[in-house]
Amino acid sequence: MFKVMLRAAQRLRLVESRKVTILDDIEPIDVGFSEISLRKGSEDEIPLWLGYFEQEKGSIKVSSLSLDELGRLLFQERQNVSTPASIVKSYPDLYLRIKDLRDQLKKGGIENFELVKKVQSSTNDLSSIRLRKVIQLALLNIVDQNVISKMTKEEYLVYLNVRKIITAFNGEVVGGTD
């Protein structure tokens, strides 16, 4: 069930807007409820699915995470590894941006092999630290909206599911109500 919710959250990301840089004039595009006109040299926010489609054609550059941003975020998370409430605010679609960065580097061929390995290693460290914090928050039953708002949607799903498991355990096995 968790995998289904995770895939649904990832699919929903595609209809959310992301900032893009327009490299070429694009004729008005009808996206259902509105029409989008994009002019060369400007920056705009458009649905991600459209951004990916136009990026393949070379007329748009979808903003993604840089290697420096990934390193900075990892450094900030490492500063307070053992403090669950210290989860660092980042992009709500952080993991999708990391995937975009990795895919972009892979397109560079063998020259970027070391960079791809570095991104993968940093991603593993970052997700491990952040998930540890999220699970600790769920175990401690912390429901502070300020802390929860710093999570990505994927992390929030983990948080909700761990809390649900703890609540069920306390109610069914231990006999307490939570």
C-alpha atoms as a PDB file:
ATOM      1  CA  MET A   1       0.000   0.000   0.000  1.00  0.00           C
ATOM      2  CA  PHE A   2       2.855   2.337   0.833  1.00  0.00           C
ATOM      3  CA  LYS A   3       4.367   1.822  -2.638  1.00  0.00           C
ATOM      4  CA  VAL A   4       1.067   2.753  -4.246  1.00  0.00           C
ATOM      5  CA  MET A   5       0.847   5.977  -2.222  1.00  0.00           C
ATOM      6  CA  LEU A   6       4.475   6.783  -3.018  1.00  0.00           C
ATOM      7  CA  ARG A   7       3.939   6.269  -6.745  1.00  0.00           C
ATOM      8  CA  ALA A   8       0.778   8.387  -6.617  1.00  0.00           C
ATOM      9  CA  ALA A   9       2.676  11.210  -4.892  1.00  0.00           C
ATOM     10  CA  GLN A  10       5.391  11.012  -7.536  1.00  0.00           C
ATOM     11  CA  ARG A  11       2.815  11.140 -10.340  1.00  0.00           C
ATOM     12  CA  LEU A  12       1.076  14.120  -8.752  1.00  0.00           C
ATOM     13  CA  ARG A  13       4.391  15.986  -8.860  1.00  0.00           C
ATOM     14  CA  LEU A  14       4.066  16.136 -12.631  1.00  0.00           C
ATOM     15  CA  VAL A  15       1.020  18.422 -12.453  1.00  0.00           C
ATOM     16  CA  GLU A  16       2.659  20.806  -9.975  1.00  0.00           C
ATOM     17  CA  SER A  17       4.373  23.903 -11.304  1.00  0.00           C
ATOM     18  CA  ARG A  18       8.102  24.363 -11.481  1.00  0.00           C
ATOM     19  CA  LYS A  19      10.207  27.281 -12.597  1.00  0.00           C
ATOM     20  CA  VAL A  20      11.579  27.035 -16.121  1.00  0.00           C
ATOM     21  CA  THR A  21      13.811  29.153 -18.328  1.00  0.00           C
ATOM     22  CA  ILE A  22      12.439  29.613 -21.812  1.00  0.00           C
ATOM     23  CA  LEU A  23      15.141  29.139 -24.466  1.00  0.00           C
ATOM     24  CA  ASP A  24      12.896  29.525 -27.512  1.00  0.00           C
ATOM     25  CA  ASP A  25       9.548  31.188 -28.213  1.00  0.00           C
ATOM     26  CA  ILE A  26       6.725  28.684 -27.875  1.00  0.00           C
ATOM     27  CA  GLU A  27       3.309  29.055 -29.428  1.00  0.00           C
ATOM     28  CA  PRO A  28       0.430  29.317 -26.918  1.00  0.00           C
ATOM     29  CA  ILE A  29      -0.287  25.933 -25.347  1.00  0.00           C
ATOM     30  CA  ASP A  30      -3.740  24.929 -24.157  1.00  0.00           C
ATOM     31  CA  VAL A  31      -3.388  23.026 -20.860  1.00  0.00           C
ATOM     32  CA  GLY A  32      -7.073  22.545 -20.196  1.00  0.00           C
ATOM     33  CA  PHE A  33      -8.250  25.397 -18.010  1.00  0.00           C
ATOM     34  CA  SER A  34      -5.812  27.971 -19.333  1.00  0.00           C
ATOM     35  CA  GLU A  35      -3.498  28.792 -22.156  1.00  0.00           C
ATOM     36  CA  ILE A  36       0.223  29.278 -21.603  1.00  0.00           C
ATOM     37  CA  SER A  37       2.354  31.572 -23.742  1.00  0.00           C
ATOM     38  CA  LEU A  38       6.107  31.364 -23.287  1.00  0.00           C
ATOM     39  CA  ARG A  39       8.561  33.926 -24.634  1.00  0.00           C
ATOM     40  CA  LYS A  40      12.279  33.412 -25.179  1.00  0.00           C
ATOM     41  CA  GLY A  41      14.509  34.686 -22.389  1.00  0.00           C
ATOM     42  CA  SER A  42      11.861  34.760 -19.678  1.00  0.00           C
ATOM     43  CA  GLU A  43      11.352  32.595 -16.625  1.00  0.00           C
ATOM     44  CA  ASP A  44       7.964  31.199 -15.772  1.00  0.00           C
ATOM     45  CA  GLU A  45       6.273  28.481 -13.749  1.00  0.00           C
ATOM     46  CA  ILE A  46       4.526  25.788 -15.724  1.00  0.00           C
ATOM     47  CA  PRO A  47       3.288  22.247 -15.022  1.00  0.00           C
ATOM     48  CA  LEU A  48       6.237  19.904 -14.733  1.00  0.00           C
ATOM     49  CA  TRP A  49       4.917  17.461 -17.343  1.00  0.00           C
ATOM     50  CA  LEU A  50       4.883  20.288 -19.883  1.00  0.00           C
ATOM     51  CA  GLY A  51       8.337  21.401 -18.807  1.00  0.00           C
ATOM     52  CA  TYR A  52       9.753  17.915 -19.370  1.00  0.00           C
ATOM     53  CA  PHE A  53       8.017  17.655 -22.744  1.00  0.00           C
ATOM     54  CA  GLU A  54       9.355  21.009 -23.957  1.00  0.00           C
ATOM     55  CA  GLN A  55      12.801  20.360 -22.468  1.00  0.00           C
ATOM     56  CA  GLU A  56      13.103  17.239 -24.634  1.00  0.00           C
ATOM     57  CA  LYS A  57      12.506  19.488 -27.650  1.00  0.00           C
ATOM     58  CA  GLY A  58      15.188  21.899 -26.400  1.00  0.00           C
ATOM     59  CA  SER A  59      12.940  24.933 -25.992  1.00  0.00           C
ATOM     60  CA  ILE A  60      12.887  25.005 -22.169  1.00  0.00           C
ATOM     61  CA  LYS A  61      15.284  24.364 -19.312  1.00  0.00           C
ATOM     62  CA  VAL A  62      13.524  22.992 -16.219  1.00  0.00           C
ATOM     63  CA  SER A  63      15.165  24.213 -13.030  1.00  0.00           C
ATOM     64  CA  SER A  64      16.727  21.439 -11.007  1.00  0.00           C
ATOM     65  CA  LEU A  65      19.044  21.032  -8.087  1.00  0.00           C
ATOM     66  CA  SER A  66      22.717  21.848  -8.508  1.00  0.00           C
ATOM     67  CA  LEU A  67      25.517  19.711  -7.138  1.00  0.00           C
ATOM     68  CA  ASP A  68      26.460  22.594  -4.825  1.00  0.00           C
ATOM     69  CA  GLU A  69      22.909  22.820  -3.452  1.00  0.00           C
ATOM     70  CA  LEU A  70      22.886  19.091  -2.790  1.00  0.00           C
ATOM     71  CA  GLY A  71      26.203  19.351  -0.947  1.00  0.00           C
ATOM     72  CA  ARG A  72      24.996  22.323   1.096  1.00  0.00           C
ATOM     73  CA  LEU A  73      21.799  20.540   2.076  1.00  0.00           C
ATOM     74  CA  LEU A  74      23.727  17.429   3.112  1.00  0.00           C
ATOM     75  CA  PHE A  75      26.121  19.565   5.164  1.00  0.00           C
ATOM     76  CA  GLN A  76      23.214  21.299   6.933  1.00  0.00           C
ATOM     77  CA  GLU A  77      21.508  17.974   7.710  1.00  0.00           C
ATOM     78  CA  ARG A  78      24.738  16.545   9.112  1.00  0.00           C
ATOM     79  CA  GLN A  79      25.079  19.471  11.521  1.00  0.00           C
ATOM     80  CA  ASN A  80      22.252  18.176  13.732  1.00  0.00           C
ATOM     81  CA  VAL A  81      22.026  14.495  12.842  1.00  0.00           C
ATOM     82  CA  SER A  82      20.648  13.442  16.227  1.00  0.00           C
ATOM     83  CA  THR A  83      18.019  16.185  16.563  1.00  0.00           C
ATOM     84  CA  PRO A  84      14.826  15.084  14.780  1.00  0.00           C
ATOM     85  CA  ALA A  85      13.198  18.521  14.787  1.00  0.00           C
ATOM     86  CA  SER A  86      16.219  19.959  12.959  1.00  0.00           C
ATOM     87  CA  ILE A  87      15.144  18.680   9.564  1.00  0.00           C
ATOM     88  CA  VAL A  88      16.215  21.292   7.014  1.00  0.00           C
ATOM     89  CA  LYS A  89      13.612  22.985   4.803  1.00  0.00           C
ATOM     90  CA  SER A  90      14.235  22.164   1.178  1.00  0.00           C
ATOM     91  CA  TYR A  91      12.317  21.850  -2.049  1.00  0.00           C
ATOM     92  CA  PRO A  92       9.019  19.971  -1.648  1.00  0.00           C
ATOM     93  CA  ASP A  93      10.082  17.898  -4.664  1.00  0.00           C
ATOM     94  CA  LEU A  94      13.662  17.407  -3.475  1.00  0.00           C
ATOM     95  CA  TYR A  95      14.003  13.775  -4.521  1.00  0.00           C
ATOM     96  CA  LEU A  96      12.579  14.429  -7.981  1.00  0.00           C
ATOM     97  CA  ARG A  97      15.068  17.284  -8.417  1.00  0.00           C
ATOM     98  CA  ILE A  98      17.905  15.000  -7.336  1.00  0.00           C
ATOM     99  CA  LYS A  99      16.732  12.411  -9.869  1.00  0.00           C
ATOM    100  CA  ASP A 100      16.667  15.132 -12.550  1.00  0.00           C
ATOM    101  CA  LEU A 101      20.229  16.164 -11.623  1.00  0.00           C
ATOM    102  CA  ARG A 102      21.444  12.560 -11.773  1.00  0.00           C
ATOM    103  CA  ASP A 103      19.720  11.982 -15.136  1.00  0.00           C
ATOM    104  CA  GLN A 104      21.161  15.217 -16.494  1.00  0.00           C
ATOM    105  CA  LEU A 105      24.673  14.185 -15.452  1.00  0.00           C
ATOM    106  CA  LYS A 106      24.217  10.702 -16.940  1.00  0.00           C
ATOM    107  CA  LYS A 107      23.449  12.276 -20.307  1.00  0.00           C
ATOM    108  CA  GLY A 108      26.971  13.763 -20.207  1.00  0.00           C
ATOM    109  CA  GLY A 109      28.439  10.324 -20.727  1.00  0.00           C
ATOM    110  CA  ILE A 110      31.485   8.764 -19.150  1.00  0.00           C
ATOM    111  CA  GLU A 111      33.020  12.172 -18.350  1.00  0.00           C
ATOM    112  CA  ASN A 112      30.416  12.647 -15.611  1.00  0.00           C
ATOM    113  CA  PHE A 113      30.772   9.163 -14.119  1.00  0.00           C
ATOM    114  CA  GLU A 114      32.482  10.434 -10.953  1.00  0.00           C
ATOM    115  CA  LEU A 115      29.897  13.201 -10.541  1.00  0.00           C
ATOM    116  CA  VAL A 116      27.050  10.689 -10.874  1.00  0.00           C
ATOM    117  CA  LYS A 117      28.689   8.524  -8.197  1.00  0.00           C
ATOM    118  CA  LYS A 118      29.069  11.594  -5.965  1.00  0.00           C
ATOM    119  CA  VAL A 119      25.403  12.540  -6.423  1.00  0.00           C
ATOM    120  CA  GLN A 120      24.322   8.980  -5.643  1.00  0.00           C
ATOM    121  CA  SER A 121      26.483   8.831  -2.523  1.00  0.00           C
ATOM    122  CA  SER A 122      25.282  12.241  -1.313  1.00  0.00           C
ATOM    123  CA  THR A 123      21.672  11.264  -2.005  1.00  0.00           C
ATOM    124  CA  ASN A 124      22.012   8.050  -0.026  1.00  0.00           C
ATOM    125  CA  ASP A 125      23.522   9.945   2.924  1.00  0.00           C
ATOM    126  CA  LEU A 126      20.933  12.726   2.745  1.00  0.00           C
ATOM    127  CA  SER A 127      17.929  10.425   2.504  1.00  0.00           C
ATOM    128  CA  SER A 128      19.259   8.239   5.304  1.00  0.00           C
ATOM    129  CA  ILE A 129      19.691  11.221   7.629  1.00  0.00           C
ATOM    130  CA  ARG A 130      16.349  12.770   6.737  1.00  0.00           C
ATOM    131  CA  LEU A 131      14.435   9.489   7.020  1.00  0.00           C
ATOM    132  CA  ARG A 132      16.024   8.791  10.395  1.00  0.00           C
ATOM    133  CA  LYS A 133      14.787  12.201  11.579  1.00  0.00           C
ATOM    134  CA  VAL A 134      11.313  11.641  10.132  1.00  0.00           C
ATOM    135  CA  ILE A 135      10.996   8.239  11.814  1.00  0.00           C
ATOM    136  CA  GLN A 136      12.183   9.701  15.129  1.00  0.00           C
ATOM    137  CA  LEU A 137       9.568  12.450  14.840  1.00  0.00           C
ATOM    138  CA  ALA A 138       6.870   9.822  14.269  1.00  0.00           C
ATOM    139  CA  LEU A 139       8.092   7.685  17.168  1.00  0.00           C
ATOM    140  CA  LEU A 140       8.089  10.700  19.473  1.00  0.00           C
ATOM    141  CA  ASN A 141       4.577  11.574  18.245  1.00  0.00           C
ATOM    142  CA  ILE A 142       5.612  15.120  17.348  1.00  0.00           C
ATOM    143  CA  VAL A 143       2.902  16.867  15.333  1.00  0.00           C
ATOM    144  CA  ASP A 144       4.427  20.350  15.093  1.00  0.00           C
ATOM    145  CA  GLN A 145       3.277  21.767  11.746  1.00  0.00           C
ATOM    146  CA  ASN A 146       6.412  23.888  11.506  1.00  0.00           C
ATOM    147  CA  VAL A 147       8.561  20.748  11.508  1.00  0.00           C
ATOM    148  CA  ILE A 148       6.193  18.762   9.284  1.00  0.00           C
ATOM    149  CA  SER A 149       6.176  21.549   6.682  1.00  0.00           C
ATOM    150  CA  LYS A 150       9.916  20.993   6.175  1.00  0.00           C
ATOM    151  CA  MET A 151       9.347  17.436   4.938  1.00  0.00           C
ATOM    152  CA  THR A 152       8.958  16.389   1.342  1.00  0.00           C
ATOM    153  CA  LYS A 153       5.730  14.617   0.412  1.00  0.00           C
ATOM    154  CA  GLU A 154       7.523  11.281   0.340  1.00  0.00           C
ATOM    155  CA  GLU A 155       8.930  11.872   3.814  1.00  0.00           C
ATOM    156  CA  TYR A 156       5.506  12.928   5.057  1.00  0.00           C
ATOM    157  CA  LEU A 157       4.072   9.629   3.800  1.00  0.00           C
ATOM    158  CA  VAL A 158       6.722   7.764   5.801  1.00  0.00           C
ATOM    159  CA  TYR A 159       5.892   9.895   8.845  1.00  0.00           C
ATOM    160  CA  LEU A 160       2.150   9.173   8.582  1.00  0.00           C
ATOM    161  CA  ASN A 161       2.636   5.447   8.069  1.00  0.00           C
ATOM    162  CA  VAL A 162       5.041   5.067  10.981  1.00  0.00           C
ATOM    163  CA  ARG A 163       2.629   7.002  13.214  1.00  0.00           C
ATOM    164  CA  LYS A 164      -0.219   4.747  12.070  1.00  0.00           C
ATOM    165  CA  ILE A 165       1.833   1.634  12.894  1.00  0.00           C
ATOM    166  CA  ILE A 166       2.764   2.997  16.343  1.00  0.00           C
ATOM    167  CA  THR A 167      -0.862   3.897  17.075  1.00  0.00           C
ATOM    168  CA  ALA A 168      -2.030   0.429  16.028  1.00  0.00           C
ATOM    169  CA  PHE A 169       0.694  -1.207  18.089  1.00  0.00           C
ATOM    170  CA  ASN A 170      -0.175   0.831  21.165  1.00  0.00           C
ATOM    171  CA  GLY A 171      -3.883   0.131  20.749  1.00  0.00           C
ATOM    172  CA  GLU A 172      -3.807  -3.544  19.832  1.00  0.00           C
ATOM    173  CA  VAL A 173      -0.678  -4.985  21.404  1.00  0.00           C
ATOM    174  CA  VAL A 174       0.105  -2.782  24.376  1.00  0.00           C
ATOM    175  CA  GLY A 175      -3.523  -1.965  25.090  1.00  0.00           C
ATOM    176  CA  GLY A 176      -3.039   1.766  25.529  1.00  0.00           C
ATOM    177  CA  THR A 177      -4.833   4.410  23.537  1.00  0.00           C
ATOM    178  CA  ASP A 178      -2.917   7.029  21.648  1.00  0.00           C
END
